[in-house]
Amino acid sequence: MQDLSRTYGYNYFDDDMVRRSLAEHEASLRRTSRGGLVWVGALLLLVGIVWLVLAASDKPEKMAAAVAPSAIVLILGVVALTRVYYVGKRKLGHPFLDGYRHVLAAALAHGAPVTFVPAWLTGSADGGAQAAPLPRYSAPVAAPAPASAGGAVGPLPPKPATVEEYERIAEKGGWHDEAGGALVLAGVIGIGYAVFQDAPAAYAAALLIPLGIWTWLAGHQLGQRQQRLSAEARRYLDELVRAQAAGVPVPELSPSLSKLLDRRL
């Protein structure tokens, strides 16, 4: 556990600090999951559904124009709830919580009695899928290795600029697809409303279509860049593992590299 404390920068032996930090993170997640944006999103969905049902009962020749505003309200509700989901997921990925999940995983792997793993810590609800499950335990790379038999210690592998860039952008993205699709759909609905309602001002919604396409392309390019840089980061991790095996003291990993290492083991 000392290795985990060094890796993540938190003293998990300090029970008071751990208890206080867990309470703070739990309260922060609760505020996100029960905050105003959740209520706004749920209200928009409710209003959009009721409005859609009422619009569907209108005359067929006016249905398209009547459905367009309710569809926009529904999209806004989905966007709001999607935002809540990604904010909560980002909070679950906080380095302190990542480290604490590793502590629990290490305790379980060594047969220590871990009587309770709170559902909020793993992002599960009602026994469903876990957004942040306990990782498979493995000794962190940051743990210092004993010197080799000959006493000679090689140089520490330098961190390439591509790996530093991976660390900067590894946690970005994830919302571009939803936001881009919502913007394109809102633009199409706005154009339809302008046509059927003879409202020229609504043609301004057409500007949302290129904005949505640009958002989606930006997310796609970011994902491709992350994938290319992850290959460089894996090679760097391999070099660190070999250096540690040779007795080279290895510094602690950043949270993004720690996650990448966990996925490799």
Foldseek 3Di string as FASTA:
>chain_A
DVLLCQQLVHDPVPVVVLVVVVVVLVVVLVCLCPHPLLVQLVVLLVQLVVQLVVLVPDDPLCSLLSNLVSVLSNLSSVLSVVVSVLVLLVSLLPSVLLSVLLVVLVCVVVPHDDPDDDLSNQCDDPPDDGSRHRFNHDRFLQDFAAADPVNDADDQDDDDPLLVVLLVLVSDADCLLSQLVSLLVNLVSLVSNCVSVVPVVSNVSVVSNVVSVVSNVVRVVSVVSNVVSLVVLVVSVVSSVVSRVNRYNDHHDDSSSRVSVSVVD
